[in-house]
Amino acid sequence: MASPLMMTEMYDNALLGIIQHVGNIQDFLQVYFGFLYRKTDFYRLLSGPNDRMGFPPGVAEKMVLKVTVVSILAGWVYRRHGNSHLEDSEVNETKLQSPSDIFGNIQHKLFFFK
C-alpha cells in the first residue's frame, strides 16, 4: 500500500480546483476545516465508552499539529537539500504525545541536518 504522503498526489486536481476557486491558502484552509466540521466527526468528542464517533480530547488537535509539523519539516529539508525528503518510515514512526514531543523532535531533526 502506498504511503499517505505518496497517495496525496491523486487528489491534486480536486485540491487545485478548490484553491483556484477560493483564491488563497487561508480561505482554502477554512474550506477544508469547514468541511471537516460539517461532514465528519473530526470536532466531536467521545462522551462515553460506547461512542462510535469522535475522538478523545486532544486527539484531533494532535493529528493536525503532527501533519503541520511534518509538512513544515519536509519543506525545510527540501529547501535545504534540494530533492531530499523525509523517509516515509520517519513520518510513520513519529508518535506525538504532547507539543513538547513535537518541538523536541523538530530540534533533533534540524540539528541533524546542520
N, C-alpha and C. Protein backbone atom coordinates (compact mmCIF):
# COMPACT_ATOMS: atom_id res chain seq x y z
N MET A 1 0.84 -1.19 0.00
CA MET A 1 0.00 0.00 0.00
C MET A 1 0.89 1.25 0.00
N ALA A 2 0.52 2.25 -0.76
CA ALA A 2 1.30 3.49 -0.84
C ALA A 2 1.19 4.26 0.47
N SER A 3 2.24 5.02 0.77
CA SER A 3 2.23 5.83 1.98
C SER A 3 1.24 6.97 1.82
N PRO A 4 0.77 7.54 2.94
CA PRO A 4 -0.14 8.68 2.86
C PRO A 4 0.46 9.86 2.09
N LEU A 5 1.76 10.07 2.22
CA LEU A 5 2.39 11.18 1.50
C LEU A 5 2.37 10.94 0.00
N MET A 6 2.58 9.72 -0.43
CA MET A 6 2.57 9.42 -1.86
C MET A 6 1.15 9.44 -2.42
N MET A 7 0.19 9.02 -1.64
CA MET A 7 -1.19 8.95 -2.11
C MET A 7 -1.80 10.32 -2.32
N THR A 8 -1.26 11.35 -1.71
CA THR A 8 -1.87 12.67 -1.81
C THR A 8 -1.90 13.20 -3.24
N GLU A 9 -1.00 12.76 -4.10
CA GLU A 9 -0.98 13.26 -5.47
C GLU A 9 -2.26 12.93 -6.23
N MET A 10 -2.94 11.89 -5.84
CA MET A 10 -4.16 11.53 -6.55
C MET A 10 -5.29 12.54 -6.32
N TYR A 11 -5.14 13.42 -5.34
CA TYR A 11 -6.16 14.42 -5.06
C TYR A 11 -5.76 15.81 -5.55
N ASP A 12 -4.61 15.92 -6.20
CA ASP A 12 -4.10 17.24 -6.58
C ASP A 12 -5.09 18.03 -7.44
N ASN A 13 -5.70 17.41 -8.42
CA ASN A 13 -6.61 18.16 -9.30
C ASN A 13 -7.80 18.71 -8.53
N ALA A 14 -8.37 17.91 -7.65
CA ALA A 14 -9.51 18.38 -6.86
C ALA A 14 -9.09 19.53 -5.93
N LEU A 15 -7.96 19.36 -5.27
CA LEU A 15 -7.49 20.40 -4.35
C LEU A 15 -7.08 21.67 -5.09
N LEU A 16 -6.43 21.52 -6.23
CA LEU A 16 -6.09 22.69 -7.03
C LEU A 16 -7.35 23.43 -7.48
N GLY A 17 -8.37 22.69 -7.85
CA GLY A 17 -9.63 23.32 -8.24
C GLY A 17 -10.23 24.14 -7.11
N ILE A 18 -10.17 23.61 -5.90
CA ILE A 18 -10.70 24.35 -4.73
C ILE A 18 -9.88 25.61 -4.49
N ILE A 19 -8.56 25.47 -4.46
CA ILE A 19 -7.72 26.63 -4.15
C ILE A 19 -7.81 27.69 -5.24
N GLN A 20 -7.94 27.28 -6.49
CA GLN A 20 -8.12 28.26 -7.56
C GLN A 20 -9.46 28.97 -7.43
N HIS A 21 -10.47 28.25 -6.97
CA HIS A 21 -11.79 28.86 -6.79
C HIS A 21 -11.80 29.87 -5.65
N VAL A 22 -11.20 29.52 -4.51
CA VAL A 22 -11.23 30.42 -3.35
C VAL A 22 -10.15 31.50 -3.44
N GLY A 23 -9.05 31.23 -4.13
CA GLY A 23 -8.08 32.27 -4.43
C GLY A 23 -6.88 32.40 -3.51
N ASN A 24 -6.90 31.78 -2.34
CA ASN A 24 -5.73 31.90 -1.46
C ASN A 24 -5.70 30.75 -0.45
N ILE A 25 -4.55 30.58 0.16
CA ILE A 25 -4.34 29.45 1.07
C ILE A 25 -5.22 29.54 2.31
N GLN A 26 -5.34 30.72 2.90
CA GLN A 26 -6.12 30.85 4.13
C GLN A 26 -7.58 30.46 3.90
N ASP A 27 -8.17 30.93 2.81
CA ASP A 27 -9.55 30.56 2.53
C ASP A 27 -9.67 29.06 2.22
N PHE A 28 -8.65 28.51 1.54
CA PHE A 28 -8.63 27.07 1.28
C PHE A 28 -8.66 26.30 2.60
N LEU A 29 -7.83 26.71 3.56
CA LEU A 29 -7.81 26.04 4.86
C LEU A 29 -9.15 26.17 5.58
N GLN A 30 -9.80 27.33 5.45
CA GLN A 30 -11.11 27.50 6.06
C GLN A 30 -12.14 26.57 5.41
N VAL A 31 -12.06 26.42 4.09
CA VAL A 31 -12.95 25.49 3.39
C VAL A 31 -12.69 24.07 3.88
N TYR A 32 -11.42 23.69 3.97
CA TYR A 32 -11.04 22.34 4.38
C TYR A 32 -11.53 22.02 5.79
N PHE A 33 -11.22 22.90 6.74
CA PHE A 33 -11.64 22.64 8.11
C PHE A 33 -13.14 22.81 8.29
N GLY A 34 -13.75 23.67 7.48
CA GLY A 34 -15.21 23.77 7.48
C GLY A 34 -15.86 22.47 7.03
N PHE A 35 -15.27 21.85 6.02
CA PHE A 35 -15.74 20.54 5.56
C PHE A 35 -15.64 19.52 6.69
N LEU A 36 -14.51 19.49 7.37
CA LEU A 36 -14.35 18.55 8.49
C LEU A 36 -15.42 18.80 9.56
N TYR A 37 -15.72 20.06 9.81
CA TYR A 37 -16.73 20.41 10.82
C TYR A 37 -18.13 19.96 10.40
N ARG A 38 -18.47 20.24 9.13
CA ARG A 38 -19.83 19.96 8.67
C ARG A 38 -20.09 18.50 8.31
N LYS A 39 -19.09 17.80 7.80
CA LYS A 39 -19.33 16.49 7.20
C LYS A 39 -18.65 15.31 7.89
N THR A 40 -17.90 15.57 8.95
CA THR A 40 -17.21 14.47 9.63
C THR A 40 -17.39 14.61 11.15
N ASP A 41 -16.84 13.65 11.86
CA ASP A 41 -16.88 13.71 13.32
C ASP A 41 -15.57 14.25 13.89
N PHE A 42 -14.79 14.95 13.07
CA PHE A 42 -13.48 15.43 13.46
C PHE A 42 -13.51 16.28 14.73
N TYR A 43 -14.52 17.13 14.87
CA TYR A 43 -14.58 18.02 16.03
C TYR A 43 -15.42 17.45 17.17
N ARG A 44 -15.96 16.29 16.97
CA ARG A 44 -16.81 15.70 18.00
C ARG A 44 -15.96 14.96 19.02
N LEU A 45 -16.26 15.18 20.30
CA LEU A 45 -15.54 14.48 21.36
C LEU A 45 -16.32 13.23 21.76
N LEU A 46 -15.58 12.18 22.03
CA LEU A 46 -16.22 10.98 22.57
C LEU A 46 -16.77 11.32 23.96
N SER A 47 -18.01 10.94 24.20
CA SER A 47 -18.59 11.25 25.51
C SER A 47 -18.73 10.02 26.38
N GLY A 48 -18.48 8.85 25.83
CA GLY A 48 -18.58 7.63 26.63
C GLY A 48 -17.92 6.47 25.93
N PRO A 49 -17.76 5.37 26.64
CA PRO A 49 -17.06 4.22 26.06
C PRO A 49 -17.80 3.56 24.90
N ASN A 50 -19.09 3.80 24.78
CA ASN A 50 -19.87 3.20 23.69
C ASN A 50 -19.99 4.09 22.46
N ASP A 51 -19.45 5.32 22.54
CA ASP A 51 -19.49 6.22 21.39
C ASP A 51 -18.68 5.63 20.25
N ARG A 52 -19.21 5.78 19.04
CA ARG A 52 -18.51 5.27 17.86
C ARG A 52 -18.05 6.41 16.95
N MET A 53 -18.39 7.64 17.31
CA MET A 53 -17.99 8.79 16.51
C MET A 53 -17.25 9.78 17.38
N GLY A 54 -16.22 10.38 16.81
CA GLY A 54 -15.48 11.40 17.53
C GLY A 54 -14.12 10.91 18.00
N PHE A 55 -13.46 11.77 18.74
CA PHE A 55 -12.12 11.50 19.22
C PHE A 55 -12.02 11.82 20.71
N PRO A 56 -11.12 11.17 21.41
CA PRO A 56 -10.85 11.58 22.78
C PRO A 56 -10.33 13.02 22.79
N PRO A 57 -10.47 13.72 23.90
CA PRO A 57 -9.99 15.10 23.97
C PRO A 57 -8.52 15.21 23.56
N GLY A 58 -8.23 16.19 22.71
CA GLY A 58 -6.86 16.47 22.29
C GLY A 58 -6.36 15.68 21.10
N VAL A 59 -7.02 14.61 20.71
CA VAL A 59 -6.52 13.76 19.63
C VAL A 59 -6.61 14.47 18.27
N ALA A 60 -7.71 15.11 17.98
CA ALA A 60 -7.85 15.80 16.69
C ALA A 60 -6.80 16.91 16.57
N GLU A 61 -6.58 17.65 17.63
CA GLU A 61 -5.57 18.70 17.61
C GLU A 61 -4.18 18.13 17.37
N LYS A 62 -3.87 17.01 18.00
CA LYS A 62 -2.57 16.37 17.80
C LYS A 62 -2.40 15.91 16.35
N MET A 63 -3.49 15.43 15.75
CA MET A 63 -3.41 15.00 14.35
C MET A 63 -3.03 16.17 13.45
N VAL A 64 -3.70 17.31 13.64
CA VAL A 64 -3.43 18.48 12.82
C VAL A 64 -2.02 18.99 13.08
N LEU A 65 -1.62 19.03 14.33
CA LEU A 65 -0.29 19.51 14.67
C LEU A 65 0.79 18.60 14.08
N LYS A 66 0.57 17.30 14.15
CA LYS A 66 1.56 16.37 13.60
C LYS A 66 1.72 16.56 12.10
N VAL A 67 0.61 16.63 11.37
CA VAL A 67 0.69 16.82 9.92
C VAL A 67 1.36 18.15 9.59
N THR A 68 1.02 19.19 10.34
CA THR A 68 1.60 20.52 10.11
C THR A 68 3.10 20.50 10.34
N VAL A 69 3.52 19.95 11.46
CA VAL A 69 4.94 19.93 11.80
C VAL A 69 5.73 19.09 10.80
N VAL A 70 5.23 17.93 10.45
CA VAL A 70 5.93 17.07 9.49
C VAL A 70 6.02 17.78 8.14
N SER A 71 4.96 18.47 7.73
CA SER A 71 4.98 19.18 6.45
C SER A 71 5.97 20.33 6.47
N ILE A 72 6.01 21.08 7.56
CA ILE A 72 6.97 22.18 7.68
C ILE A 72 8.39 21.64 7.65
N LEU A 73 8.62 20.57 8.38
CA LEU A 73 9.95 19.96 8.40
C LEU A 73 10.34 19.44 7.02
N ALA A 74 9.42 18.79 6.33
CA ALA A 74 9.70 18.27 4.99
C ALA A 74 10.03 19.43 4.04
N GLY A 75 9.31 20.54 4.16
CA GLY A 75 9.60 21.71 3.34
C GLY A 75 10.96 22.29 3.64
N TRP A 76 11.32 22.33 4.91
CA TRP A 76 12.63 22.84 5.30
C TRP A 76 13.74 21.94 4.74
N VAL A 77 13.57 20.64 4.85
CA VAL A 77 14.57 19.71 4.33
C VAL A 77 14.69 19.87 2.83
N TYR A 78 13.56 20.00 2.14
CA TYR A 78 13.58 20.17 0.68
C TYR A 78 14.32 21.44 0.30
N ARG A 79 14.01 22.55 0.99
CA ARG A 79 14.67 23.81 0.68
C ARG A 79 16.16 23.74 0.97
N ARG A 80 16.51 23.03 2.01
CA ARG A 80 17.92 22.96 2.43
C ARG A 80 18.72 21.98 1.58
N HIS A 81 18.11 20.89 1.15
CA HIS A 81 18.84 19.81 0.49
C HIS A 81 18.30 19.44 -0.88
N GLY A 82 17.56 20.30 -1.51
CA GLY A 82 17.06 20.01 -2.85
C GLY A 82 16.03 18.90 -2.87
N ASN A 83 16.31 17.82 -3.54
CA ASN A 83 15.35 16.74 -3.71
C ASN A 83 15.25 15.82 -2.51
N SER A 84 16.04 16.03 -1.48
CA SER A 84 15.96 15.18 -0.29
C SER A 84 14.58 15.33 0.33
N HIS A 85 14.15 14.31 1.02
CA HIS A 85 12.85 14.36 1.69
C HIS A 85 12.88 13.43 2.90
N LEU A 86 11.90 13.60 3.75
CA LEU A 86 11.78 12.70 4.89
C LEU A 86 11.41 11.32 4.38
N GLU A 87 12.03 10.32 4.91
CA GLU A 87 11.65 8.96 4.56
C GLU A 87 10.28 8.66 5.14
N ASP A 88 9.48 7.87 4.43
CA ASP A 88 8.15 7.52 4.92
C ASP A 88 8.23 6.88 6.30
N SER A 89 9.27 6.09 6.55
CA SER A 89 9.40 5.44 7.85
C SER A 89 9.57 6.47 8.95
N GLU A 90 10.27 7.58 8.68
CA GLU A 90 10.44 8.62 9.68
C GLU A 90 9.10 9.25 10.03
N VAL A 91 8.27 9.49 9.02
CA VAL A 91 6.96 10.09 9.25
C VAL A 91 6.06 9.11 9.99
N ASN A 92 6.01 7.86 9.54
CA ASN A 92 5.11 6.89 10.14
C ASN A 92 5.50 6.50 11.55
N GLU A 93 6.81 6.59 11.90
CA GLU A 93 7.25 6.21 13.23
C GLU A 93 7.08 7.33 14.24
N THR A 94 6.74 8.54 13.77
CA THR A 94 6.60 9.67 14.67
C THR A 94 5.32 9.51 15.49
N LYS A 95 5.47 9.36 16.79
CA LYS A 95 4.32 9.25 17.68
C LYS A 95 4.38 10.43 18.64
N LEU A 96 3.39 11.30 18.56
CA LEU A 96 3.41 12.53 19.32
C LEU A 96 2.52 12.41 20.55
N GLN A 97 3.07 12.76 21.68
CA GLN A 97 2.33 12.72 22.92
C GLN A 97 1.92 14.12 23.36
N SER A 98 2.75 15.11 23.11
CA SER A 98 2.47 16.47 23.55
C SER A 98 3.21 17.44 22.63
N PRO A 99 2.88 18.74 22.70
CA PRO A 99 3.61 19.70 21.87
C PRO A 99 5.11 19.68 22.13
N SER A 100 5.52 19.43 23.36
CA SER A 100 6.96 19.39 23.63
C SER A 100 7.62 18.23 22.90
N ASP A 101 6.91 17.10 22.75
CA ASP A 101 7.45 15.99 21.97
C ASP A 101 7.67 16.42 20.52
N ILE A 102 6.72 17.18 19.98
CA ILE A 102 6.81 17.61 18.60
C ILE A 102 8.01 18.52 18.41
N PHE A 103 8.12 19.55 19.24
CA PHE A 103 9.18 20.51 19.06
C PHE A 103 10.53 19.93 19.40
N GLY A 104 10.59 19.00 20.33
CA GLY A 104 11.84 18.30 20.61
C GLY A 104 12.27 17.50 19.41
N ASN A 105 11.32 16.86 18.73
CA ASN A 105 11.61 16.08 17.53
C ASN A 105 12.13 16.99 16.41
N ILE A 106 11.53 18.15 16.25
CA ILE A 106 11.98 19.08 15.22
C ILE A 106 13.40 19.53 15.52
N GLN A 107 13.69 19.89 16.76
CA GLN A 107 15.03 20.34 17.11
C GLN A 107 16.05 19.25 16.81
N HIS A 108 15.71 18.00 17.10
CA HIS A 108 16.61 16.90 16.79
C HIS A 108 16.84 16.80 15.30
N LYS A 109 15.79 16.87 14.50
CA LYS A 109 15.93 16.76 13.05
C LYS A 109 16.72 17.95 12.50
N LEU A 110 16.44 19.16 12.98
CA LEU A 110 17.15 20.32 12.48
C LEU A 110 18.63 20.24 12.82
N PHE A 111 18.94 19.79 14.01
CA PHE A 111 20.34 19.63 14.42
C PHE A 111 21.03 18.62 13.51
N PHE A 112 20.32 17.55 13.18
CA PHE A 112 20.87 16.50 12.34
C PHE A 112 21.24 17.02 10.96
N PHE A 113 20.46 17.96 10.42
CA PHE A 113 20.70 18.45 9.07
C PHE A 113 21.61 19.66 8.99
N LYS A 114 22.13 20.14 10.11
CA LYS A 114 23.04 21.31 10.09
C LYS A 114 24.35 20.96 9.45
